Amino acid sequence: MTAPNELRLLPWSGPEGKPCYLSTDERGGYMSRLADNVEAVQLGTAAELLEEAFETLSDRDVTLDEMRRLAKELSGALRDVLCVATSRGRLMVVDEPRP
């Protein structure tokens, strides 16, 4: 199994919103692939929301409710992207060759 400092932060939360971690030696295992797929969906959603934000912000007729909805969705996407970045940053440190 991986050392405690090499746990992978998963792109979903556990009970009470606490982070979930994966401890495995198998990079291509089921849970690793599942986490990779969820991260890809989260990043894709964030990219789509970014495009929507540019369109919405350039629309002079946008309502306050539409802006609030967009801000809420962007906040969720940003949270997901930060989780992915944190997880991948940890993976990069683990994967770096040691002198």
PDB file of N, CA and C in Angstrom:
ATOM      1  N   MET A   1       0.842  -1.186   0.000  1.00  0.00           N
ATOM      2  CA  MET A   1       0.000   0.000   0.000  1.00  0.00           C
ATOM      3  C   MET A   1       0.881   1.242   0.000  1.00  0.00           C
ATOM      4  N   THR A   2       0.292   2.355  -0.388  1.00  0.00           N
ATOM      5  CA  THR A   2       1.043   3.606  -0.442  1.00  0.00           C
ATOM      6  C   THR A   2       1.281   4.147   0.959  1.00  0.00           C
ATOM      7  N   ALA A   3       2.336   4.932   1.091  1.00  0.00           N
ATOM      8  CA  ALA A   3       2.626   5.571   2.368  1.00  0.00           C
ATOM      9  C   ALA A   3       1.570   6.635   2.640  1.00  0.00           C
ATOM     10  N   PRO A   4       1.333   6.991   3.914  1.00  0.00           N
ATOM     11  CA  PRO A   4       0.300   7.963   4.248  1.00  0.00           C
ATOM     12  C   PRO A   4       0.452   9.301   3.517  1.00  0.00           C
ATOM     13  N   ASN A   5       1.674   9.730   3.251  1.00  0.00           N
ATOM     14  CA  ASN A   5       1.859  11.001   2.568  1.00  0.00           C
ATOM     15  C   ASN A   5       1.653  10.870   1.058  1.00  0.00           C
ATOM     16  N   GLU A   6       1.350   9.653   0.581  1.00  0.00           N
ATOM     17  CA  GLU A   6       1.147   9.419  -0.836  1.00  0.00           C
ATOM     18  C   GLU A   6      -0.305   9.064  -1.151  1.00  0.00           C
ATOM     19  N   LEU A   7      -1.225   9.363  -0.261  1.00  0.00           N
ATOM     20  CA  LEU A   7      -2.626   9.085  -0.503  1.00  0.00           C
ATOM     21  C   LEU A   7      -3.151  10.006  -1.589  1.00  0.00           C
ATOM     22  N   ARG A   8      -4.028   9.499  -2.414  1.00  0.00           N
ATOM     23  CA  ARG A   8      -4.627  10.315  -3.472  1.00  0.00           C
ATOM     24  C   ARG A   8      -5.913  10.938  -2.948  1.00  0.00           C
ATOM     25  N   LEU A   9      -6.004  12.247  -3.085  1.00  0.00           N
ATOM     26  CA  LEU A   9      -7.230  12.957  -2.752  1.00  0.00           C
ATOM     27  C   LEU A   9      -8.235  12.680  -3.861  1.00  0.00           C
ATOM     28  N   LEU A  10      -9.386  12.136  -3.493  1.00  0.00           N
ATOM     29  CA  LEU A  10     -10.394  11.785  -4.484  1.00  0.00           C
ATOM     30  C   LEU A  10     -11.300  12.988  -4.775  1.00  0.00           C
ATOM     31  N   PRO A  11     -11.888  13.022  -5.962  1.00  0.00           N
ATOM     32  CA  PRO A  11     -12.689  14.186  -6.363  1.00  0.00           C
ATOM     33  C   PRO A  11     -14.133  14.156  -5.867  1.00  0.00           C
ATOM     34  N   TRP A  12     -14.350  13.560  -4.723  1.00  0.00           N
ATOM     35  CA  TRP A  12     -15.663  13.592  -4.084  1.00  0.00           C
ATOM     36  C   TRP A  12     -15.465  13.603  -2.591  1.00  0.00           C
ATOM     37  N   SER A  13     -16.512  13.956  -1.880  1.00  0.00           N
ATOM     38  CA  SER A  13     -16.440  14.056  -0.423  1.00  0.00           C
ATOM     39  C   SER A  13     -17.111  12.855   0.219  1.00  0.00           C
ATOM     40  N   GLY A  14     -16.708  12.598   1.439  1.00  0.00           N
ATOM     41  CA  GLY A  14     -17.323  11.544   2.213  1.00  0.00           C
ATOM     42  C   GLY A  14     -18.411  12.106   3.109  1.00  0.00           C
ATOM     43  N   PRO A  15     -18.784  11.348   4.117  1.00  0.00           N
ATOM     44  CA  PRO A  15     -19.795  11.821   5.051  1.00  0.00           C
ATOM     45  C   PRO A  15     -19.395  13.163   5.666  1.00  0.00           C
ATOM     46  N   GLU A  16     -20.377  14.004   5.815  1.00  0.00           N
ATOM     47  CA  GLU A  16     -20.187  15.331   6.425  1.00  0.00           C
ATOM     48  C   GLU A  16     -19.241  16.217   5.613  1.00  0.00           C
ATOM     49  N   GLY A  17     -19.083  15.924   4.329  1.00  0.00           N
ATOM     50  CA  GLY A  17     -18.252  16.759   3.464  1.00  0.00           C
ATOM     51  C   GLY A  17     -16.758  16.607   3.665  1.00  0.00           C
ATOM     52  N   LYS A  18     -16.359  15.572   4.391  1.00  0.00           N
ATOM     53  CA  LYS A  18     -14.930  15.361   4.633  1.00  0.00           C
ATOM     54  C   LYS A  18     -14.258  14.766   3.403  1.00  0.00           C
ATOM     55  N   PRO A  19     -12.963  15.105   3.175  1.00  0.00           N
ATOM     56  CA  PRO A  19     -12.264  14.586   2.002  1.00  0.00           C
ATOM     57  C   PRO A  19     -12.104  13.069   2.054  1.00  0.00           C
ATOM     58  N   CYS A  20     -12.069  12.465   0.879  1.00  0.00           N
ATOM     59  CA  CYS A  20     -11.830  11.026   0.740  1.00  0.00           C
ATOM     60  C   CYS A  20     -10.464  10.826   0.101  1.00  0.00           C
ATOM     61  N   TYR A  21      -9.759   9.812   0.543  1.00  0.00           N
ATOM     62  CA  TYR A  21      -8.432   9.507   0.020  1.00  0.00           C
ATOM     63  C   TYR A  21      -8.387   8.053  -0.418  1.00  0.00           C
ATOM     64  N   LEU A  22      -7.518   7.784  -1.388  1.00  0.00           N
ATOM     65  CA  LEU A  22      -7.320   6.430  -1.892  1.00  0.00           C
ATOM     66  C   LEU A  22      -5.899   5.996  -1.583  1.00  0.00           C
ATOM     67  N   SER A  23      -5.778   4.824  -1.002  1.00  0.00           N
ATOM     68  CA  SER A  23      -4.469   4.239  -0.725  1.00  0.00           C
ATOM     69  C   SER A  23      -4.368   2.942  -1.514  1.00  0.00           C
ATOM     70  N   THR A  24      -3.515   2.969  -2.533  1.00  0.00           N
ATOM     71  CA  THR A  24      -3.345   1.775  -3.358  1.00  0.00           C
ATOM     72  C   THR A  24      -2.011   1.847  -4.085  1.00  0.00           C
ATOM     73  N   ASP A  25      -1.486   0.695  -4.423  1.00  0.00           N
ATOM     74  CA  ASP A  25      -0.279   0.619  -5.243  1.00  0.00           C
ATOM     75  C   ASP A  25      -0.643   0.522  -6.722  1.00  0.00           C
ATOM     76  N   GLU A  26      -1.920   0.366  -7.010  1.00  0.00           N
ATOM     77  CA  GLU A  26      -2.378   0.102  -8.366  1.00  0.00           C
ATOM     78  C   GLU A  26      -2.890   1.386  -9.018  1.00  0.00           C
ATOM     79  N   ARG A  27      -2.043   2.044  -9.795  1.00  0.00           N
ATOM     80  CA  ARG A  27      -2.403   3.307 -10.480  1.00  0.00           C
ATOM     81  C   ARG A  27      -3.544   3.123 -11.479  1.00  0.00           C
ATOM     82  N   GLY A  28      -3.626   1.965 -12.106  1.00  0.00           N
ATOM     83  CA  GLY A  28      -4.657   1.712 -13.109  1.00  0.00           C
ATOM     84  C   GLY A  28      -5.839   0.947 -12.560  1.00  0.00           C
ATOM     85  N   GLY A  29      -5.949   0.878 -11.250  1.00  0.00           N
ATOM     86  CA  GLY A  29      -7.041   0.134 -10.629  1.00  0.00           C
ATOM     87  C   GLY A  29      -8.390   0.815 -10.836  1.00  0.00           C
ATOM     88  N   TYR A  30      -9.438   0.098 -10.476  1.00  0.00           N
ATOM     89  CA  TYR A  30     -10.799   0.577 -10.686  1.00  0.00           C
ATOM     90  C   TYR A  30     -11.026   1.944 -10.046  1.00  0.00           C
ATOM     91  N   MET A  31     -10.675   2.110  -8.783  1.00  0.00           N
ATOM     92  CA  MET A  31     -10.933   3.379  -8.091  1.00  0.00           C
ATOM     93  C   MET A  31     -10.098   4.514  -8.676  1.00  0.00           C
ATOM     94  N   SER A  32      -8.886   4.241  -9.075  1.00  0.00           N
ATOM     95  CA  SER A  32      -8.047   5.266  -9.704  1.00  0.00           C
ATOM     96  C   SER A  32      -8.646   5.713 -11.028  1.00  0.00           C
ATOM     97  N   ARG A  33      -9.108   4.749 -11.819  1.00  0.00           N
ATOM     98  CA  ARG A  33      -9.731   5.092 -13.117  1.00  0.00           C
ATOM     99  C   ARG A  33     -11.027   5.854 -12.905  1.00  0.00           C
ATOM    100  N   LEU A  34     -11.811   5.441 -11.908  1.00  0.00           N
ATOM    101  CA  LEU A  34     -13.060   6.135 -11.592  1.00  0.00           C
ATOM    102  C   LEU A  34     -12.773   7.581 -11.199  1.00  0.00           C
ATOM    103  N   ALA A  35     -11.776   7.773 -10.343  1.00  0.00           N
ATOM    104  CA  ALA A  35     -11.403   9.131  -9.921  1.00  0.00           C
ATOM    105  C   ALA A  35     -10.924   9.953 -11.117  1.00  0.00           C
ATOM    106  N   ASP A  36     -10.134   9.351 -11.999  1.00  0.00           N
ATOM    107  CA  ASP A  36      -9.680  10.050 -13.213  1.00  0.00           C
ATOM    108  C   ASP A  36     -10.863  10.491 -14.063  1.00  0.00           C
ATOM    109  N   ASN A  37     -11.846   9.607 -14.232  1.00  0.00           N
ATOM    110  CA  ASN A  37     -13.025   9.932 -15.029  1.00  0.00           C
ATOM    111  C   ASN A  37     -13.859  11.045 -14.393  1.00  0.00           C
ATOM    112  N   VAL A  38     -14.047  10.988 -13.089  1.00  0.00           N
ATOM    113  CA  VAL A  38     -14.802  12.032 -12.396  1.00  0.00           C
ATOM    114  C   VAL A  38     -14.080  13.369 -12.525  1.00  0.00           C
ATOM    115  N   GLU A  39     -12.753  13.367 -12.365  1.00  0.00           N
ATOM    116  CA  GLU A  39     -11.982  14.598 -12.528  1.00  0.00           C
ATOM    117  C   GLU A  39     -12.133  15.163 -13.940  1.00  0.00           C
ATOM    118  N   ALA A  40     -12.117  14.294 -14.944  1.00  0.00           N
ATOM    119  CA  ALA A  40     -12.262  14.754 -16.329  1.00  0.00           C
ATOM    120  C   ALA A  40     -13.628  15.414 -16.542  1.00  0.00           C
ATOM    121  N   VAL A  41     -14.668  14.831 -15.973  1.00  0.00           N
ATOM    122  CA  VAL A  41     -16.008  15.417 -16.074  1.00  0.00           C
ATOM    123  C   VAL A  41     -16.046  16.769 -15.365  1.00  0.00           C
ATOM    124  N   GLN A  42     -15.454  16.844 -14.173  1.00  0.00           N
ATOM    125  CA  GLN A  42     -15.438  18.098 -13.423  1.00  0.00           C
ATOM    126  C   GLN A  42     -14.705  19.195 -14.188  1.00  0.00           C
ATOM    127  N   LEU A  43     -13.564  18.870 -14.788  1.00  0.00           N
ATOM    128  CA  LEU A  43     -12.810  19.860 -15.553  1.00  0.00           C
ATOM    129  C   LEU A  43     -13.577  20.282 -16.803  1.00  0.00           C
ATOM    130  N   GLY A  44     -14.251  19.348 -17.452  1.00  0.00           N
ATOM    131  CA  GLY A  44     -15.063  19.671 -18.616  1.00  0.00           C
ATOM    132  C   GLY A  44     -16.220  20.589 -18.257  1.00  0.00           C
ATOM    133  N   THR A  45     -16.868  20.312 -17.147  1.00  0.00           N
ATOM    134  CA  THR A  45     -17.968  21.156 -16.674  1.00  0.00           C
ATOM    135  C   THR A  45     -17.469  22.565 -16.377  1.00  0.00           C
ATOM    136  N   ALA A  46     -16.312  22.670 -15.757  1.00  0.00           N
ATOM    137  CA  ALA A  46     -15.740  23.988 -15.450  1.00  0.00           C
ATOM    138  C   ALA A  46     -15.455  24.765 -16.730  1.00  0.00           C
ATOM    139  N   ALA A  47     -14.938  24.095 -17.742  1.00  0.00           N
ATOM    140  CA  ALA A  47     -14.654  24.762 -19.018  1.00  0.00           C
ATOM    141  C   ALA A  47     -15.942  25.260 -19.671  1.00  0.00           C
ATOM    142  N   GLU A  48     -16.988  24.450 -19.638  1.00  0.00           N
ATOM    143  CA  GLU A  48     -18.278  24.858 -20.189  1.00  0.00           C
ATOM    144  C   GLU A  48     -18.849  26.045 -19.428  1.00  0.00           C
ATOM    145  N   LEU A  49     -18.751  26.025 -18.109  1.00  0.00           N
ATOM    146  CA  LEU A  49     -19.246  27.132 -17.294  1.00  0.00           C
ATOM    147  C   LEU A  49     -18.477  28.417 -17.557  1.00  0.00           C
ATOM    148  N   LEU A  50     -17.191  28.301 -17.808  1.00  0.00           N
ATOM    149  CA  LEU A  50     -16.387  29.475 -18.115  1.00  0.00           C
ATOM    150  C   LEU A  50     -16.880  30.126 -19.411  1.00  0.00           C
ATOM    151  N   GLU A  51     -17.156  29.309 -20.417  1.00  0.00           N
ATOM    152  CA  GLU A  51     -17.709  29.843 -21.667  1.00  0.00           C
ATOM    153  C   GLU A  51     -19.061  30.507 -21.424  1.00  0.00           C
ATOM    154  N   GLU A  52     -19.908  29.846 -20.635  1.00  0.00           N
ATOM    155  CA  GLU A  52     -21.221  30.405 -20.304  1.00  0.00           C
ATOM    156  C   GLU A  52     -21.077  31.730 -19.564  1.00  0.00           C
ATOM    157  N   ALA A  53     -20.095  31.818 -18.686  1.00  0.00           N
ATOM    158  CA  ALA A  53     -19.882  33.053 -17.925  1.00  0.00           C
ATOM    159  C   ALA A  53     -19.527  34.203 -18.859  1.00  0.00           C
ATOM    160  N   PHE A  54     -18.645  33.963 -19.831  1.00  0.00           N
ATOM    161  CA  PHE A  54     -18.286  35.014 -20.782  1.00  0.00           C
ATOM    162  C   PHE A  54     -19.516  35.493 -21.552  1.00  0.00           C
ATOM    163  N   GLU A  55     -20.349  34.547 -21.983  1.00  0.00           N
ATOM    164  CA  GLU A  55     -21.563  34.906 -22.714  1.00  0.00           C
ATOM    165  C   GLU A  55     -22.539  35.681 -21.824  1.00  0.00           C
ATOM    166  N   THR A  56     -22.727  35.198 -20.599  1.00  0.00           N
ATOM    167  CA  THR A  56     -23.664  35.830 -19.684  1.00  0.00           C
ATOM    168  C   THR A  56     -23.215  37.238 -19.307  1.00  0.00           C
ATOM    169  N   LEU A  57     -21.944  37.399 -19.052  1.00  0.00           N
ATOM    170  CA  LEU A  57     -21.436  38.711 -18.653  1.00  0.00           C
ATOM    171  C   LEU A  57     -21.508  39.738 -19.778  1.00  0.00           C
ATOM    172  N   SER A  58     -21.543  39.272 -21.015  1.00  0.00           N
ATOM    173  CA  SER A  58     -21.645  40.214 -22.128  1.00  0.00           C
ATOM    174  C   SER A  58     -23.104  40.502 -22.509  1.00  0.00           C
ATOM    175  N   ASP A  59     -24.040  39.830 -21.872  1.00  0.00           N
ATOM    176  CA  ASP A  59     -25.470  40.008 -22.135  1.00  0.00           C
ATOM    177  C   ASP A  59     -26.017  41.110 -21.228  1.00  0.00           C
ATOM    178  N   ARG A  60     -26.434  42.210 -21.827  1.00  0.00           N
ATOM    179  CA  ARG A  60     -26.959  43.346 -21.048  1.00  0.00           C
ATOM    180  C   ARG A  60     -28.321  43.035 -20.428  1.00  0.00           C
ATOM    181  N   ASP A  61     -29.011  42.021 -20.920  1.00  0.00           N
ATOM    182  CA  ASP A  61     -30.356  41.703 -20.439  1.00  0.00           C
ATOM    183  C   ASP A  61     -30.377  40.591 -19.388  1.00  0.00           C
ATOM    184  N   VAL A  62     -29.213  40.193 -18.907  1.00  0.00           N
ATOM    185  CA  VAL A  62     -29.153  39.107 -17.928  1.00  0.00           C
ATOM    186  C   VAL A  62     -29.823  39.560 -16.621  1.00  0.00           C
ATOM    187  N   THR A  63     -30.574  38.648 -16.016  1.00  0.00           N
ATOM    188  CA  THR A  63     -31.273  38.980 -14.768  1.00  0.00           C
ATOM    189  C   THR A  63     -30.381  38.688 -13.566  1.00  0.00           C
ATOM    190  N   LEU A  64     -30.746  39.249 -12.442  1.00  0.00           N
ATOM    191  CA  LEU A  64     -30.012  39.011 -11.201  1.00  0.00           C
ATOM    192  C   LEU A  64     -30.071  37.532 -10.814  1.00  0.00           C
ATOM    193  N   ASP A  65     -31.222  36.900 -11.017  1.00  0.00           N
ATOM    194  CA  ASP A  65     -31.344  35.466 -10.706  1.00  0.00           C
ATOM    195  C   ASP A  65     -30.413  34.623 -11.577  1.00  0.00           C
ATOM    196  N   GLU A  66     -30.277  34.986 -12.854  1.00  0.00           N
ATOM    197  CA  GLU A  66     -29.371  34.266 -13.742  1.00  0.00           C
ATOM    198  C   GLU A  66     -27.921  34.448 -13.291  1.00  0.00           C
ATOM    199  N   MET A  67     -27.587  35.644 -12.865  1.00  0.00           N
ATOM    200  CA  MET A  67     -26.226  35.900 -12.377  1.00  0.00           C
ATOM    201  C   MET A  67     -25.948  35.118 -11.097  1.00  0.00           C
ATOM    202  N   ARG A  68     -26.919  35.062 -10.213  1.00  0.00           N
ATOM    203  CA  ARG A  68     -26.743  34.294  -8.970  1.00  0.00           C
ATOM    204  C   ARG A  68     -26.561  32.809  -9.261  1.00  0.00           C
ATOM    205  N   ARG A  69     -27.371  32.279 -10.189  1.00  0.00           N
ATOM    206  CA  ARG A  69     -27.249  30.865 -10.556  1.00  0.00           C
ATOM    207  C   ARG A  69     -25.862  30.586 -11.127  1.00  0.00           C
ATOM    208  N   LEU A  70     -25.417  31.465 -12.013  1.00  0.00           N
ATOM    209  CA  LEU A  70     -24.097  31.296 -12.619  1.00  0.00           C
ATOM    210  C   LEU A  70     -23.002  31.367 -11.550  1.00  0.00           C
ATOM    211  N   ALA A  71     -23.110  32.332 -10.642  1.00  0.00           N
ATOM    212  CA  ALA A  71     -22.105  32.459  -9.577  1.00  0.00           C
ATOM    213  C   ALA A  71     -22.073  31.209  -8.700  1.00  0.00           C
ATOM    214  N   LYS A  72     -23.234  30.655  -8.411  1.00  0.00           N
ATOM    215  CA  LYS A  72     -23.299  29.435  -7.594  1.00  0.00           C
ATOM    216  C   LYS A  72     -22.653  28.260  -8.333  1.00  0.00           C
ATOM    217  N   GLU A  73     -22.965  28.106  -9.630  1.00  0.00           N
ATOM    218  CA  GLU A  73     -22.382  27.013 -10.411  1.00  0.00           C
ATOM    219  C   GLU A  73     -20.874  27.192 -10.580  1.00  0.00           C
ATOM    220  N   LEU A  74     -20.437  28.438 -10.808  1.00  0.00           N
ATOM    221  CA  LEU A  74     -18.998  28.694 -10.935  1.00  0.00           C
ATOM    222  C   LEU A  74     -18.271  28.401  -9.628  1.00  0.00           C
ATOM    223  N   SER A  75     -18.894  28.726  -8.510  1.00  0.00           N
ATOM    224  CA  SER A  75     -18.280  28.451  -7.200  1.00  0.00           C
ATOM    225  C   SER A  75     -18.091  26.957  -6.997  1.00  0.00           C
ATOM    226  N   GLY A  76     -19.102  26.169  -7.358  1.00  0.00           N
ATOM    227  CA  GLY A  76     -18.990  24.713  -7.246  1.00  0.00           C
ATOM    228  C   GLY A  76     -17.919  24.160  -8.171  1.00  0.00           C
ATOM    229  N   ALA A  77     -17.868  24.688  -9.392  1.00  0.00           N
ATOM    230  CA  ALA A  77     -16.854  24.228 -10.355  1.00  0.00           C
ATOM    231  C   ALA A  77     -15.456  24.598  -9.879  1.00  0.00           C
ATOM    232  N   LEU A  78     -15.311  25.788  -9.321  1.00  0.00           N
ATOM    233  CA  LEU A  78     -14.000  26.210  -8.807  1.00  0.00           C
ATOM    234  C   LEU A  78     -13.564  25.304  -7.659  1.00  0.00           C
ATOM    235  N   ARG A  79     -14.491  24.942  -6.791  1.00  0.00           N
ATOM    236  CA  ARG A  79     -14.178  24.017  -5.689  1.00  0.00           C
ATOM    237  C   ARG A  79     -13.677  22.693  -6.242  1.00  0.00           C
ATOM    238  N   ASP A  80     -14.374  22.175  -7.270  1.00  0.00           N
ATOM    239  CA  ASP A  80     -13.972  20.900  -7.878  1.00  0.00           C
ATOM    240  C   ASP A  80     -12.602  21.000  -8.547  1.00  0.00           C
ATOM    241  N   VAL A  81     -12.359  22.088  -9.272  1.00  0.00           N
ATOM    242  CA  VAL A  81     -11.082  22.265  -9.961  1.00  0.00           C
ATOM    243  C   VAL A  81      -9.941  22.391  -8.954  1.00  0.00           C
ATOM    244  N   LEU A  82     -10.176  23.074  -7.851  1.00  0.00           N
ATOM    245  CA  LEU A  82      -9.140  23.179  -6.808  1.00  0.00           C
ATOM    246  C   LEU A  82      -8.838  21.807  -6.209  1.00  0.00           C
ATOM    247  N   CYS A  83      -9.860  20.996  -6.046  1.00  0.00           N
ATOM    248  CA  CYS A  83      -9.650  19.633  -5.534  1.00  0.00           C
ATOM    249  C   CYS A  83      -8.806  18.825  -6.518  1.00  0.00           C
ATOM    250  N   VAL A  84      -9.138  18.927  -7.808  1.00  0.00           N
ATOM    251  CA  VAL A  84      -8.367  18.214  -8.831  1.00  0.00           C
ATOM    252  C   VAL A  84      -6.915  18.695  -8.834  1.00  0.00           C
ATOM    253  N   ALA A  85      -6.730  20.012  -8.783  1.00  0.00           N
ATOM    254  CA  ALA A  85      -5.371  20.567  -8.795  1.00  0.00           C
ATOM    255  C   ALA A  85      -4.585  20.109  -7.571  1.00  0.00           C
ATOM    256  N   THR A  86      -5.226  20.097  -6.423  1.00  0.00           N
ATOM    257  CA  THR A  86      -4.560  19.646  -5.196  1.00  0.00           C
ATOM    258  C   THR A  86      -4.175  18.182  -5.315  1.00  0.00           C
ATOM    259  N   SER A  87      -5.103  17.359  -5.793  1.00  0.00           N
ATOM    260  CA  SER A  87      -4.837  15.932  -5.938  1.00  0.00           C
ATOM    261  C   SER A  87      -3.706  15.689  -6.925  1.00  0.00           C
ATOM    262  N   ARG A  88      -3.766  16.347  -8.068  1.00  0.00           N
ATOM    263  CA  ARG A  88      -2.737  16.131  -9.089  1.00  0.00           C
ATOM    264  C   ARG A  88      -1.397  16.695  -8.658  1.00  0.00           C
ATOM    265  N   GLY A  89      -1.413  17.774  -7.883  1.00  0.00           N
ATOM    266  CA  GLY A  89      -0.168  18.314  -7.346  1.00  0.00           C
ATOM    267  C   GLY A  89       0.501  17.319  -6.426  1.00  0.00           C
ATOM    268  N   ARG A  90      -0.292  16.649  -5.616  1.00  0.00           N
ATOM    269  CA  ARG A  90       0.253  15.616  -4.730  1.00  0.00           C
ATOM    270  C   ARG A  90       0.784  14.447  -5.535  1.00  0.00           C
ATOM    271  N   LEU A  91       0.064  14.070  -6.595  1.00  0.00           N
ATOM    272  CA  LEU A  91       0.513  12.962  -7.430  1.00  0.00           C
ATOM    273  C   LEU A  91       1.830  13.299  -8.111  1.00  0.00           C
ATOM    274  N   MET A  92       1.994  14.556  -8.542  1.00  0.00           N
ATOM    275  CA  MET A  92       3.233  14.955  -9.196  1.00  0.00           C
ATOM    276  C   MET A  92       4.411  14.839  -8.242  1.00  0.00           C
ATOM    277  N   VAL A  93       4.212  15.248  -6.998  1.00  0.00           N
ATOM    278  CA  VAL A  93       5.278  15.173  -6.005  1.00  0.00           C
ATOM    279  C   VAL A  93       5.653  13.713  -5.774  1.00  0.00           C
ATOM    280  N   VAL A  94       4.651  12.846  -5.699  1.00  0.00           N
ATOM    281  CA  VAL A  94       4.898  11.421  -5.472  1.00  0.00           C
ATOM    282  C   VAL A  94       5.613  10.814  -6.668  1.00  0.00           C
ATOM    283  N   ASP A  95       5.244  11.225  -7.892  1.00  0.00           N
ATOM    284  CA  ASP A  95       5.816  10.637  -9.102  1.00  0.00           C
ATOM    285  C   ASP A  95       7.201  11.139  -9.451  1.00  0.00           C
ATOM    286  N   GLU A  96       7.621  12.255  -8.870  1.00  0.00           N
ATOM    287  CA  GLU A  96       8.950  12.806  -9.192  1.00  0.00           C
ATOM    288  C   GLU A  96      10.042  11.830  -8.771  1.00  0.00           C
ATOM    289  N   PRO A  97      11.019  11.633  -9.632  1.00  0.00           N
ATOM    290  CA  PRO A  97      12.119  10.735  -9.258  1.00  0.00           C
ATOM    291  C   PRO A  97      12.896  11.294  -8.067  1.00  0.00           C
ATOM    292  N   ARG A  98      13.284  10.404  -7.233  1.00  0.00           N
ATOM    293  CA  ARG A  98      14.037  10.813  -6.042  1.00  0.00           C
ATOM    294  C   ARG A  98      15.528  10.673  -6.322  1.00  0.00           C
ATOM    295  N   PRO A  99      16.336  11.669  -5.884  1.00  0.00           N
ATOM    296  CA  PRO A  99      17.787  11.600  -6.148  1.00  0.00           C
ATOM    297  C   PRO A  99      18.451  10.448  -5.434  1.00  0.00           C
TER     298      PRO A  99
END
